[in-house]
Structures are given as structure tokens and as C-alpha cells.
Amino acid sequence: MAYPPVSPKFRANVGGYSAESALRWAGTSARWGAFAGVAGVFLFSQVPIIKERILQKTPFLGWYWKVEEGKK
């Protein structure tokens, strides 16, 4: 019985992660990071620095966080 030639298959990896697994985890990490960023901004939306520097400059939604001078 003749066996087929066996040759080792090498896969490049860094720290045990191959390119395929890194791409899969990158998508998941991006979604969780975006969720955490949006949740953090809305959680701290009443902090004056966040309100003035980030939320009031948001296109199409900045009007919601604008405070008139007399109503502070």
C-alpha cells in the first residue's frame, strides 16, 4: 500500500492567532468598541465639557444639547 506524500502545512501566526482568526475578532471588537463609545458619550452627556466639545458639534443632532445662555 502506497501512502500519499505528506508535507507539513505551515500557517503564519502571531501569538497563536492566524490572519483568519484576527479578521474575525477585529469585526467583533469594532462592534463592541463602537457600542462602548456611544454608551460612554451618552452616559456622560450631562458633563459640561462633553456637552460643549463633542455633543453640540455633532451634525444633525447638536441642536438637542445646545443650552441658551439664560437657561443654565
Protein backbone atom coordinates (compact mmCIF):
# COMPACT_ATOMS: atom_id res chain seq x y z
CA MET A 1 0.00 0.00 0.00
CA ALA A 2 1.44 3.35 -1.04
CA TYR A 3 0.82 6.35 1.12
CA PRO A 4 0.45 9.82 -0.41
CA PRO A 5 3.37 12.11 0.25
CA VAL A 6 2.91 14.07 3.42
CA SER A 7 4.17 17.60 3.64
CA PRO A 8 3.72 19.88 6.61
CA LYS A 9 1.46 22.87 6.15
CA PHE A 10 2.71 25.98 7.84
CA ARG A 11 0.38 28.75 8.87
CA ALA A 12 1.77 32.10 9.83
CA ASN A 13 0.56 33.30 13.21
CA VAL A 14 1.44 35.84 15.80
CA GLY A 15 0.87 34.89 19.40
CA GLY A 16 -1.19 31.90 18.31
CA TYR A 17 -3.62 33.95 16.19
CA SER A 18 -3.79 33.39 12.46
CA ALA A 19 -4.88 36.02 9.96
CA GLU A 20 -8.32 34.41 9.64
CA SER A 21 -9.00 34.48 13.37
CA ALA A 22 -7.62 38.03 13.67
CA LEU A 23 -10.06 39.25 10.99
CA ARG A 24 -12.96 37.52 12.71
CA TRP A 25 -12.08 39.07 16.08
CA ALA A 26 -11.46 42.50 14.50
CA GLY A 27 -15.10 42.77 13.39
CA THR A 28 -16.40 41.75 16.78
CA SER A 29 -14.02 44.11 18.58
CA ALA A 30 -15.04 47.01 16.34
CA ARG A 31 -18.73 46.47 17.13
CA TRP A 32 -18.13 46.29 20.89
CA GLY A 33 -15.86 49.35 20.76
CA ALA A 34 -18.44 51.39 18.87
CA PHE A 35 -21.14 50.37 21.34
CA ALA A 36 -18.93 51.25 24.32
CA GLY A 37 -18.06 54.64 22.79
CA VAL A 38 -21.67 55.59 22.09
CA ALA A 39 -22.79 54.37 25.51
CA GLY A 40 -19.99 56.31 27.19
CA VAL A 41 -20.82 59.54 25.39
CA PHE A 42 -24.50 59.32 26.28
CA LEU A 43 -23.72 58.25 29.83
CA PHE A 44 -21.57 61.35 30.32
CA SER A 45 -23.79 63.63 28.23
CA GLN A 46 -24.54 65.90 31.20
CA VAL A 47 -20.87 66.66 31.86
CA PRO A 48 -20.32 70.23 30.56
CA ILE A 49 -17.04 69.52 28.74
CA ILE A 50 -18.52 66.52 26.88
CA LYS A 51 -21.64 68.52 26.07
CA GLU A 52 -19.75 71.55 24.71
CA ARG A 53 -16.84 69.90 22.91
CA ILE A 54 -18.48 66.77 21.47
CA LEU A 55 -22.26 66.67 21.56
CA GLN A 56 -23.05 70.24 20.47
CA LYS A 57 -20.77 69.81 17.44
CA THR A 58 -22.49 66.63 16.25
CA PRO A 59 -24.02 67.13 12.78
CA PHE A 60 -27.85 66.99 12.65
CA LEU A 61 -28.17 66.32 16.43
CA GLY A 62 -26.14 69.12 18.03
CA TRP A 63 -29.22 71.30 18.48
CA TYR A 64 -30.53 68.87 21.11
CA TRP A 65 -27.68 69.64 23.53
CA LYS A 66 -27.42 73.38 22.92
CA VAL A 67 -28.21 75.42 26.04
CA GLU A 68 -29.27 79.02 25.78
CA GLU A 69 -27.29 81.44 27.93
CA GLY A 70 -30.22 82.45 30.16
CA LYS A 71 -31.42 78.91 30.94
CA LYS A 72 -28.40 77.40 32.67
